[in-house]
Amino acid sequence: MTVRIYKEVEFDASHRLLQYEGKCHNLHGHRFRVEVWIEGVPDPGSCILLDYARIKQVVHRFDHQIILNAADPMVTAIEAFHPVVVTGGDPTSELLARIIADDLDAECRAAGVDARVTRIRVWESPNACAELDR
């Protein structure tokens, strides 16, 4: 039997878009909201696909972090005072959606769960999000 689960998680983080010309080129923060749908075969004993707490744990690696493009010259300066989560490109909501989906897929594999992310939305404001369907 295949099932789909849904989980919503929020986190606070700052980022900047190195390749963007406009206000978002400046370091700024958001309350991000992540919606994730995971589909697969639940464990026959527990009937659980993936513990919701594990989903939250994966997403919360970004909570209260500074997220920057690995090529951003601010990384070195900020790392002297605070850890930085670096990404292989500007940490847009589009890129964060892909990274979080990949991290959750890896979590499923590590847990021996036959499941994968089928849809994810990353909201950076109440009226703007990126959605990835797989």
N, C-alpha and C. Protein backbone atom coordinates (compact mmCIF):
# COMPACT_ATOMS: atom_id res chain seq x y z
N MET A 1 0.84 -1.17 0.00
CA MET A 1 0.00 0.00 0.00
C MET A 1 0.89 1.24 0.00
N THR A 2 0.64 2.15 -0.90
CA THR A 2 1.37 3.41 -0.97
C THR A 2 0.53 4.50 -0.31
N VAL A 3 1.20 5.33 0.50
CA VAL A 3 0.52 6.44 1.16
C VAL A 3 1.33 7.72 0.93
N ARG A 4 0.66 8.84 1.15
CA ARG A 4 1.33 10.14 1.08
C ARG A 4 1.09 10.86 2.40
N ILE A 5 2.16 11.43 2.94
CA ILE A 5 2.03 12.23 4.15
C ILE A 5 2.40 13.67 3.83
N TYR A 6 1.93 14.56 4.69
CA TYR A 6 2.18 16.00 4.53
C TYR A 6 2.66 16.55 5.87
N LYS A 7 3.65 17.43 5.80
CA LYS A 7 4.15 18.10 7.01
C LYS A 7 4.50 19.53 6.66
N GLU A 8 4.15 20.43 7.58
CA GLU A 8 4.50 21.83 7.45
C GLU A 8 5.46 22.19 8.58
N VAL A 9 6.56 22.87 8.22
CA VAL A 9 7.58 23.24 9.18
C VAL A 9 7.99 24.68 8.90
N GLU A 10 8.21 25.47 9.94
CA GLU A 10 8.70 26.83 9.78
C GLU A 10 10.09 26.95 10.38
N PHE A 11 10.87 27.84 9.80
CA PHE A 11 12.17 28.16 10.38
C PHE A 11 12.51 29.60 10.05
N ASP A 12 13.34 30.19 10.92
CA ASP A 12 13.82 31.55 10.73
C ASP A 12 15.28 31.49 10.29
N ALA A 13 15.60 32.25 9.25
CA ALA A 13 16.98 32.27 8.77
C ALA A 13 17.23 33.56 7.98
N SER A 14 18.50 33.86 7.83
CA SER A 14 18.86 35.00 6.99
C SER A 14 19.61 34.47 5.77
N HIS A 15 19.54 35.24 4.71
CA HIS A 15 20.25 34.91 3.49
C HIS A 15 20.45 36.18 2.68
N ARG A 16 21.21 36.04 1.63
CA ARG A 16 21.28 37.11 0.64
C ARG A 16 21.52 36.47 -0.70
N LEU A 17 21.13 37.16 -1.75
CA LEU A 17 21.25 36.64 -3.10
C LEU A 17 22.38 37.40 -3.80
N LEU A 18 23.50 36.75 -3.90
CA LEU A 18 24.72 37.34 -4.44
C LEU A 18 24.54 37.76 -5.90
N GLN A 19 23.81 36.96 -6.66
CA GLN A 19 23.66 37.20 -8.10
C GLN A 19 22.46 38.07 -8.45
N TYR A 20 21.81 38.64 -7.45
CA TYR A 20 20.58 39.40 -7.65
C TYR A 20 20.84 40.89 -7.51
N GLU A 21 20.28 41.67 -8.40
CA GLU A 21 20.39 43.13 -8.29
C GLU A 21 19.08 43.64 -7.72
N GLY A 22 19.11 44.11 -6.51
CA GLY A 22 17.92 44.59 -5.84
C GLY A 22 18.08 44.43 -4.35
N LYS A 23 16.99 44.65 -3.61
CA LYS A 23 17.05 44.62 -2.14
C LYS A 23 17.53 43.28 -1.60
N CYS A 24 17.21 42.20 -2.26
CA CYS A 24 17.58 40.87 -1.74
C CYS A 24 19.07 40.57 -1.88
N HIS A 25 19.82 41.49 -2.47
CA HIS A 25 21.27 41.35 -2.50
C HIS A 25 21.85 41.62 -1.11
N ASN A 26 21.09 42.34 -0.30
CA ASN A 26 21.51 42.63 1.08
C ASN A 26 21.14 41.46 1.99
N LEU A 27 21.96 41.25 3.01
CA LEU A 27 21.65 40.23 4.00
C LEU A 27 20.35 40.60 4.70
N HIS A 28 19.41 39.67 4.73
CA HIS A 28 18.10 39.91 5.33
C HIS A 28 17.52 38.58 5.79
N GLY A 29 16.44 38.63 6.56
CA GLY A 29 15.88 37.41 7.12
C GLY A 29 14.45 37.17 6.71
N HIS A 30 14.03 35.92 6.89
CA HIS A 30 12.67 35.49 6.61
C HIS A 30 12.23 34.49 7.67
N ARG A 31 10.94 34.38 7.84
CA ARG A 31 10.34 33.22 8.49
C ARG A 31 9.90 32.34 7.33
N PHE A 32 10.71 31.33 7.02
CA PHE A 32 10.41 30.41 5.93
C PHE A 32 9.37 29.40 6.40
N ARG A 33 8.50 29.01 5.50
CA ARG A 33 7.54 27.94 5.77
C ARG A 33 7.74 26.88 4.69
N VAL A 34 7.92 25.65 5.12
CA VAL A 34 8.15 24.54 4.20
C VAL A 34 6.97 23.59 4.30
N GLU A 35 6.39 23.27 3.16
CA GLU A 35 5.34 22.25 3.06
C GLU A 35 5.93 21.10 2.26
N VAL A 36 5.80 19.90 2.79
CA VAL A 36 6.40 18.75 2.11
C VAL A 36 5.42 17.58 2.06
N TRP A 37 5.38 16.93 0.90
CA TRP A 37 4.58 15.73 0.70
C TRP A 37 5.57 14.60 0.41
N ILE A 38 5.43 13.51 1.15
CA ILE A 38 6.30 12.35 0.97
C ILE A 38 5.40 11.15 0.69
N GLU A 39 5.79 10.39 -0.30
CA GLU A 39 4.99 9.24 -0.72
C GLU A 39 5.84 7.98 -0.68
N GLY A 40 5.20 6.89 -0.25
CA GLY A 40 5.92 5.62 -0.21
C GLY A 40 5.14 4.55 0.51
N VAL A 41 5.87 3.53 0.89
CA VAL A 41 5.28 2.36 1.55
C VAL A 41 5.59 2.42 3.04
N PRO A 42 4.56 2.47 3.89
CA PRO A 42 4.82 2.55 5.33
C PRO A 42 5.40 1.25 5.88
N ASP A 43 6.05 1.39 7.02
CA ASP A 43 6.59 0.24 7.73
C ASP A 43 5.44 -0.71 8.06
N PRO A 44 5.57 -2.00 7.76
CA PRO A 44 4.46 -2.92 8.02
C PRO A 44 4.11 -3.06 9.50
N GLY A 45 5.08 -2.90 10.39
CA GLY A 45 4.80 -3.05 11.82
C GLY A 45 4.13 -1.82 12.42
N SER A 46 4.73 -0.65 12.18
CA SER A 46 4.21 0.57 12.80
C SER A 46 3.17 1.28 11.95
N CYS A 47 3.12 0.94 10.66
CA CYS A 47 2.25 1.62 9.69
C CYS A 47 2.63 3.09 9.52
N ILE A 48 3.86 3.45 9.87
CA ILE A 48 4.36 4.82 9.72
C ILE A 48 5.27 4.88 8.50
N LEU A 49 5.06 5.91 7.69
CA LEU A 49 5.92 6.11 6.53
C LEU A 49 7.24 6.75 6.96
N LEU A 50 7.17 7.93 7.55
CA LEU A 50 8.34 8.60 8.11
C LEU A 50 7.84 9.46 9.26
N ASP A 51 8.51 9.37 10.38
CA ASP A 51 8.11 10.13 11.56
C ASP A 51 8.13 11.63 11.24
N TYR A 52 7.05 12.32 11.57
CA TYR A 52 6.96 13.76 11.32
C TYR A 52 8.08 14.51 12.03
N ALA A 53 8.51 14.01 13.17
CA ALA A 53 9.60 14.65 13.90
C ALA A 53 10.91 14.60 13.11
N ARG A 54 11.11 13.54 12.35
CA ARG A 54 12.32 13.44 11.51
C ARG A 54 12.29 14.47 10.40
N ILE A 55 11.11 14.70 9.84
CA ILE A 55 10.97 15.71 8.79
C ILE A 55 11.34 17.07 9.36
N LYS A 56 10.79 17.38 10.52
CA LYS A 56 11.08 18.66 11.17
C LYS A 56 12.56 18.79 11.46
N GLN A 57 13.18 17.73 11.92
CA GLN A 57 14.61 17.74 12.25
C GLN A 57 15.45 18.06 11.01
N VAL A 58 15.12 17.48 9.88
CA VAL A 58 15.86 17.72 8.64
C VAL A 58 15.73 19.17 8.22
N VAL A 59 14.52 19.71 8.25
CA VAL A 59 14.29 21.09 7.83
C VAL A 59 14.94 22.07 8.82
N HIS A 60 14.93 21.72 10.09
CA HIS A 60 15.43 22.65 11.11
C HIS A 60 16.94 22.80 11.13
N ARG A 61 17.65 22.12 10.25
CA ARG A 61 19.10 22.39 10.16
C ARG A 61 19.34 23.81 9.67
N PHE A 62 18.30 24.43 9.07
CA PHE A 62 18.40 25.81 8.59
C PHE A 62 17.91 26.83 9.62
N ASP A 63 17.30 26.37 10.72
CA ASP A 63 16.69 27.28 11.67
C ASP A 63 17.73 28.15 12.37
N HIS A 64 17.47 29.45 12.36
CA HIS A 64 18.35 30.46 12.97
C HIS A 64 19.77 30.39 12.43
N GLN A 65 19.87 30.14 11.13
CA GLN A 65 21.16 30.07 10.47
C GLN A 65 21.28 31.20 9.45
N ILE A 66 22.50 31.44 9.02
CA ILE A 66 22.79 32.34 7.91
C ILE A 66 23.09 31.43 6.72
N ILE A 67 22.35 31.61 5.64
CA ILE A 67 22.47 30.76 4.46
C ILE A 67 23.02 31.61 3.33
N LEU A 68 24.18 31.21 2.80
CA LEU A 68 24.83 31.99 1.76
C LEU A 68 25.35 31.11 0.64
N ASN A 69 25.44 31.69 -0.54
CA ASN A 69 26.08 31.07 -1.69
C ASN A 69 27.54 30.79 -1.30
N ALA A 70 28.05 29.61 -1.61
CA ALA A 70 29.44 29.26 -1.27
C ALA A 70 30.43 30.25 -1.86
N ALA A 71 30.07 30.90 -2.95
CA ALA A 71 30.96 31.87 -3.60
C ALA A 71 30.86 33.26 -2.99
N ASP A 72 29.99 33.46 -2.02
CA ASP A 72 29.78 34.78 -1.43
C ASP A 72 30.98 35.16 -0.57
N PRO A 73 31.59 36.33 -0.80
CA PRO A 73 32.73 36.74 0.03
C PRO A 73 32.37 36.98 1.49
N MET A 74 31.09 37.11 1.81
CA MET A 74 30.68 37.30 3.21
C MET A 74 30.87 36.04 4.04
N VAL A 75 30.94 34.87 3.40
CA VAL A 75 31.03 33.60 4.13
C VAL A 75 32.20 33.62 5.10
N THR A 76 33.38 33.94 4.61
CA THR A 76 34.58 33.92 5.44
C THR A 76 34.48 34.90 6.60
N ALA A 77 33.98 36.10 6.32
CA ALA A 77 33.88 37.11 7.38
C ALA A 77 32.88 36.69 8.45
N ILE A 78 31.73 36.17 8.05
CA ILE A 78 30.70 35.80 9.02
C ILE A 78 31.11 34.56 9.82
N GLU A 79 31.80 33.62 9.15
CA GLU A 79 32.21 32.38 9.85
C GLU A 79 33.13 32.66 11.04
N ALA A 80 33.75 33.82 11.07
CA ALA A 80 34.57 34.18 12.23
C ALA A 80 33.72 34.37 13.48
N PHE A 81 32.41 34.59 13.28
CA PHE A 81 31.51 34.88 14.40
C PHE A 81 30.33 33.91 14.53
N HIS A 82 29.95 33.28 13.43
CA HIS A 82 28.74 32.46 13.43
C HIS A 82 28.85 31.42 12.32
N PRO A 83 28.35 30.21 12.55
CA PRO A 83 28.37 29.22 11.46
C PRO A 83 27.53 29.71 10.27
N VAL A 84 27.92 29.28 9.08
CA VAL A 84 27.21 29.63 7.86
C VAL A 84 26.84 28.35 7.13
N VAL A 85 25.60 28.25 6.70
CA VAL A 85 25.19 27.16 5.83
C VAL A 85 25.44 27.64 4.40
N VAL A 86 26.30 26.94 3.68
CA VAL A 86 26.60 27.35 2.31
C VAL A 86 25.87 26.48 1.31
N THR A 87 25.50 27.10 0.20
CA THR A 87 24.78 26.41 -0.86
C THR A 87 25.55 26.57 -2.17
N GLY A 88 25.31 25.68 -3.09
CA GLY A 88 25.96 25.72 -4.40
C GLY A 88 25.22 26.65 -5.35
N GLY A 89 25.05 27.85 -4.96
CA GLY A 89 24.31 28.86 -5.72
C GLY A 89 23.58 29.75 -4.74
N ASP A 90 22.93 30.77 -5.25
CA ASP A 90 22.19 31.66 -4.37
C ASP A 90 21.08 30.90 -3.64
N PRO A 91 20.97 31.10 -2.32
CA PRO A 91 19.97 30.37 -1.52
C PRO A 91 18.56 30.93 -1.70
N THR A 92 18.06 30.80 -2.90
CA THR A 92 16.69 31.21 -3.22
C THR A 92 15.72 30.18 -2.66
N SER A 93 14.46 30.51 -2.62
CA SER A 93 13.47 29.52 -2.18
C SER A 93 13.44 28.34 -3.15
N GLU A 94 13.72 28.60 -4.43
CA GLU A 94 13.78 27.51 -5.41
C GLU A 94 14.89 26.52 -5.08
N LEU A 95 16.08 27.05 -4.78
CA LEU A 95 17.21 26.17 -4.46
C LEU A 95 16.99 25.48 -3.11
N LEU A 96 16.47 26.20 -2.13
CA LEU A 96 16.20 25.58 -0.83
C LEU A 96 15.20 24.44 -0.96
N ALA A 97 14.21 24.59 -1.84
CA ALA A 97 13.24 23.50 -2.06
C ALA A 97 13.96 22.24 -2.54
N ARG A 98 14.87 22.40 -3.49
CA ARG A 98 15.60 21.24 -4.01
C ARG A 98 16.51 20.63 -2.94
N ILE A 99 17.21 21.48 -2.20
CA ILE A 99 18.13 20.98 -1.16
C ILE A 99 17.36 20.23 -0.08
N ILE A 100 16.27 20.80 0.40
CA ILE A 100 15.49 20.15 1.46
C ILE A 100 14.88 18.85 0.96
N ALA A 101 14.36 18.84 -0.26
CA ALA A 101 13.80 17.60 -0.83
C ALA A 101 14.88 16.53 -0.92
N ASP A 102 16.07 16.90 -1.41
CA ASP A 102 17.17 15.92 -1.50
C ASP A 102 17.57 15.42 -0.11
N ASP A 103 17.62 16.32 0.88
CA ASP A 103 17.97 15.92 2.25
C ASP A 103 16.93 14.95 2.82
N LEU A 104 15.65 15.23 2.55
CA LEU A 104 14.59 14.34 3.05
C LEU A 104 14.63 12.99 2.35
N ASP A 105 14.91 12.98 1.05
CA ASP A 105 15.06 11.70 0.34
C ASP A 105 16.21 10.89 0.93
N ALA A 106 17.31 11.56 1.24
CA ALA A 106 18.45 10.89 1.85
C ALA A 106 18.09 10.35 3.24
N GLU A 107 17.30 11.11 3.98
CA GLU A 107 16.85 10.65 5.30
C GLU A 107 16.00 9.39 5.18
N CYS A 108 15.14 9.34 4.18
CA CYS A 108 14.32 8.14 3.95
C CYS A 108 15.21 6.94 3.65
N ARG A 109 16.19 7.13 2.76
CA ARG A 109 17.11 6.04 2.42
C ARG A 109 17.87 5.57 3.65
N ALA A 110 18.37 6.52 4.44
CA ALA A 110 19.15 6.17 5.64
C ALA A 110 18.30 5.41 6.65
N ALA A 111 17.01 5.71 6.69
CA ALA A 111 16.10 5.04 7.62
C ALA A 111 15.57 3.73 7.05
N GLY A 112 15.96 3.41 5.82
CA GLY A 112 15.47 2.19 5.18
C GLY A 112 14.01 2.27 4.78
N VAL A 113 13.55 3.49 4.52
CA VAL A 113 12.14 3.72 4.18
C VAL A 113 12.01 3.85 2.67
N ASP A 114 11.05 3.11 2.11
CA ASP A 114 10.77 3.16 0.67
C ASP A 114 9.84 4.35 0.41
N ALA A 115 10.43 5.57 0.37
CA ALA A 115 9.63 6.78 0.21
C ALA A 115 10.48 7.87 -0.41
N ARG A 116 9.79 8.87 -0.96
CA ARG A 116 10.49 10.03 -1.53
C ARG A 116 9.58 11.24 -1.52
N VAL A 117 10.21 12.41 -1.57
CA VAL A 117 9.46 13.66 -1.65
C VAL A 117 8.85 13.76 -3.04
N THR A 118 7.55 13.99 -3.08
CA THR A 118 6.88 14.16 -4.37
C THR A 118 6.53 15.61 -4.66
N ARG A 119 6.42 16.41 -3.61
CA ARG A 119 6.14 17.84 -3.76
C ARG A 119 6.67 18.57 -2.54
N ILE A 120 7.19 19.76 -2.79
CA ILE A 120 7.65 20.60 -1.69
C ILE A 120 7.42 22.06 -2.08
N ARG A 121 7.03 22.84 -1.10
CA ARG A 121 6.90 24.29 -1.27
C ARG A 121 7.74 24.96 -0.20
N VAL A 122 8.48 25.98 -0.59
CA VAL A 122 9.23 26.79 0.35
C VAL A 122 8.73 28.22 0.20
N TRP A 123 8.08 28.68 1.26
CA TRP A 123 7.53 30.04 1.31
C TRP A 123 8.55 30.94 1.98
N GLU A 124 8.88 32.06 1.35
CA GLU A 124 9.76 33.02 2.01
C GLU A 124 8.99 34.23 2.52
N SER A 125 7.73 34.30 2.18
CA SER A 125 6.82 35.31 2.72
C SER A 125 5.41 34.74 2.62
N PRO A 126 4.43 35.37 3.24
CA PRO A 126 3.07 34.83 3.18
C PRO A 126 2.48 34.76 1.76
N ASN A 127 3.11 35.47 0.81
CA ASN A 127 2.53 35.48 -0.53
C ASN A 127 3.52 35.13 -1.63
N ALA A 128 4.64 34.46 -1.30
CA ALA A 128 5.61 34.08 -2.30
C ALA A 128 6.27 32.76 -1.93
N CYS A 129 6.18 31.80 -2.85
CA CYS A 129 6.79 30.51 -2.60
C CYS A 129 7.34 29.90 -3.89
N ALA A 130 8.20 28.94 -3.72
CA ALA A 130 8.67 28.11 -4.83
C ALA A 130 8.14 26.71 -4.59
N GLU A 131 7.67 26.08 -5.65
CA GLU A 131 7.14 24.72 -5.55
C GLU A 131 7.91 23.82 -6.49
N LEU A 132 8.27 22.65 -5.98
CA LEU A 132 8.98 21.65 -6.76
C LEU A 132 8.15 20.38 -6.75
N ASP A 133 7.79 19.90 -7.93
CA ASP A 133 7.10 18.61 -8.07
C ASP A 133 8.08 17.63 -8.67
N ARG A 134 8.07 16.41 -8.15
CA ARG A 134 8.97 15.38 -8.70
C ARG A 134 8.16 14.19 -9.17
